[in-house]
C-alpha atoms as a PDB file:
ATOM      1  CA  UNK A   1       3.124 -15.792 -22.827  1.00  0.00           C
ATOM      2  CA  UNK A   2       5.538 -14.433 -20.434  1.00  0.00           C
ATOM      3  CA  UNK A   3       7.147 -12.950 -23.059  1.00  0.00           C
ATOM      4  CA  UNK A   4       4.849 -11.227 -24.556  1.00  0.00           C
ATOM      5  CA  UNK A   5       3.305  -9.974 -21.564  1.00  0.00           C
ATOM      6  CA  UNK A   6       7.191  -8.179 -20.564  1.00  0.00           C
ATOM      7  CA  UNK A   7       6.792  -6.671 -23.922  1.00  0.00           C
ATOM      8  CA  UNK A   8       3.463  -4.860 -23.218  1.00  0.00           C
ATOM      9  CA  UNK A   9       4.802  -4.138 -19.779  1.00  0.00           C
ATOM     10  CA  UNK A  10       7.785  -2.643 -21.197  1.00  0.00           C
ATOM     11  CA  UNK A  11       6.005  -0.230 -24.268  1.00  0.00           C
ATOM     12  CA  UNK A  12       3.670   0.856 -21.484  1.00  0.00           C
ATOM     13  CA  UNK A  13       6.741   2.243 -19.336  1.00  0.00           C
ATOM     14  CA  UNK A  14       8.287   3.808 -22.125  1.00  0.00           C
ATOM     15  CA  UNK A  15       5.197   5.515 -23.214  1.00  0.00           C
ATOM     16  CA  UNK A  16       4.119   6.944 -19.742  1.00  0.00           C
ATOM     17  CA  UNK A  17       7.853   8.063 -19.186  1.00  0.00           C
ATOM     18  CA  UNK A  18       8.189   9.589 -22.852  1.00  0.00           C
ATOM     19  CA  UNK A  19       4.779  11.257 -21.993  1.00  0.00           C
ATOM     20  CA  UNK A  20       6.154  12.355 -18.478  1.00  0.00           C
ATOM     21  CA  UNK A  21       9.949  13.742 -20.676  1.00  0.00           C
ATOM     22  CA  UNK A  22       7.845  15.502 -23.223  1.00  0.00           C
ATOM     23  CA  UNK A  23       5.541  17.150 -20.916  1.00  0.00           C
ATOM     24  CA  UNK A  24       8.212  18.053 -18.366  1.00  0.00           C
ATOM     25  CA  UNK A  25      10.658  19.520 -20.830  1.00  0.00           C
ATOM     26  CA  UNK A  26       8.047  21.817 -22.581  1.00  0.00           C
ATOM     27  CA  UNK A  27       8.223  19.781 -25.766  1.00  0.00           C
ATOM     28  CA  UNK A  28       4.582  19.339 -25.858  1.00  0.00           C
ATOM     29  CA  UNK A  29       1.273  20.896 -23.869  1.00  0.00           C
ATOM     30  CA  UNK A  30      -0.920  18.864 -21.852  1.00  0.00           C
ATOM     31  CA  UNK A  31      -3.626  19.472 -24.457  1.00  0.00           C
ATOM     32  CA  UNK A  32      -1.683  17.991 -27.149  1.00  0.00           C
ATOM     33  CA  UNK A  33      -3.639  14.870 -28.522  1.00  0.00           C
ATOM     34  CA  UNK A  34      -0.475  13.106 -28.581  1.00  0.00           C
ATOM     35  CA  UNK A  35       0.763  13.334 -25.379  1.00  0.00           C
ATOM     36  CA  UNK A  36      -3.279  12.070 -24.178  1.00  0.00           C
ATOM     37  CA  UNK A  37      -2.761   8.617 -26.310  1.00  0.00           C
ATOM     38  CA  UNK A  38       0.764   8.429 -24.761  1.00  0.00           C
ATOM     39  CA  UNK A  39      -0.627   8.011 -21.478  1.00  0.00           C
ATOM     40  CA  UNK A  40      -3.699   6.323 -22.454  1.00  0.00           C
ATOM     41  CA  UNK A  41      -2.073   3.712 -24.137  1.00  0.00           C
ATOM     42  CA  UNK A  42       0.685   3.459 -22.003  1.00  0.00           C
ATOM     43  CA  UNK A  43      -1.623   3.029 -18.978  1.00  0.00           C
ATOM     44  CA  UNK A  44      -3.771   0.587 -20.827  1.00  0.00           C
ATOM     45  CA  UNK A  45      -0.178  -1.632 -21.363  1.00  0.00           C
ATOM     46  CA  UNK A  46       0.684  -1.216 -17.980  1.00  0.00           C
ATOM     47  CA  UNK A  47      -2.950  -2.253 -16.770  1.00  0.00           C
ATOM     48  CA  UNK A  48      -2.735  -5.541 -18.763  1.00  0.00           C
ATOM     49  CA  UNK A  49       0.736  -6.660 -17.570  1.00  0.00           C
ATOM     50  CA  UNK A  50       0.071  -5.263 -13.502  1.00  0.00           C
ATOM     51  CA  UNK A  51      -2.823  -7.522 -13.934  1.00  0.00           C
ATOM     52  CA  UNK A  52      -0.934 -10.895 -15.437  1.00  0.00           C
ATOM     53  CA  UNK A  53       1.139 -10.017 -12.678  1.00  0.00           C
ATOM     54  CA  UNK A  54      -1.278  -9.962  -9.670  1.00  0.00           C
ATOM     55  CA  UNK A  55       0.263  -6.902  -8.856  1.00  0.00           C
ATOM     56  CA  UNK A  56      -3.197  -5.250  -8.064  1.00  0.00           C
ATOM     57  CA  UNK A  57      -2.499  -1.742  -6.366  1.00  0.00           C
ATOM     58  CA  UNK A  58      -0.058  -0.574  -9.468  1.00  0.00           C
ATOM     59  CA  UNK A  59      -3.402  -1.842 -11.657  1.00  0.00           C
ATOM     60  CA  UNK A  60      -5.622   0.499  -9.741  1.00  0.00           C
ATOM     61  CA  UNK A  61      -3.315   3.341  -9.961  1.00  0.00           C
ATOM     62  CA  UNK A  62      -3.311   2.293 -14.135  1.00  0.00           C
ATOM     63  CA  UNK A  63      -6.842   2.525 -14.301  1.00  0.00           C
ATOM     64  CA  UNK A  64      -6.772   5.929 -12.791  1.00  0.00           C
ATOM     65  CA  UNK A  65      -4.101   6.710 -15.144  1.00  0.00           C
ATOM     66  CA  UNK A  66      -6.190   5.589 -18.276  1.00  0.00           C
ATOM     67  CA  UNK A  67      -9.329   7.618 -16.858  1.00  0.00           C
ATOM     68  CA  UNK A  68      -7.701  11.064 -16.654  1.00  0.00           C
ATOM     69  CA  UNK A  69      -6.415  10.643 -20.081  1.00  0.00           C
ATOM     70  CA  UNK A  70     -10.149   9.202 -21.333  1.00  0.00           C
ATOM     71  CA  UNK A  71     -11.183  12.311 -19.502  1.00  0.00           C
ATOM     72  CA  UNK A  72      -8.745  14.884 -21.301  1.00  0.00           C
ATOM     73  CA  UNK A  73      -8.996  13.432 -24.951  1.00  0.00           C
ATOM     74  CA  UNK A  74     -12.788  13.855 -23.972  1.00  0.00           C
ATOM     75  CA  UNK A  75     -12.222  17.328 -23.189  1.00  0.00           C
ATOM     76  CA  UNK A  76      -9.989  17.949 -26.037  1.00  0.00           C
ATOM     77  CA  UNK A  77     -12.546  16.717 -28.377  1.00  0.00           C
ATOM     78  CA  UNK A  78     -15.356  19.176 -27.040  1.00  0.00           C
ATOM     79  CA  UNK A  79     -13.269  21.827 -27.682  1.00  0.00           C
ATOM     80  CA  UNK A  80     -11.974  21.081 -30.956  1.00  0.00           C
ATOM     81  CA  UNK A  81     -16.120  20.871 -32.070  1.00  0.00           C
ATOM     82  CA  UNK A  82     -16.988  23.920 -30.338  1.00  0.00           C
END
């Protein structure tokens, strides 16, 4: 189980870092769905990992990160429907 959780944690870290790289280098805009999905899944994987490791302050930050991504995706979907 430890190995699976480590893999989940590393994938989550890679996704969040990739999203940060893409936005920082102007490869994508913050309204790009792929960018928000990277943040969402990265935050989710990191939340699972940090809860498993009992690092609750980090889990808290990642839950907020997920909330921001969900809000951005929701806002994006409303704009597309309009």
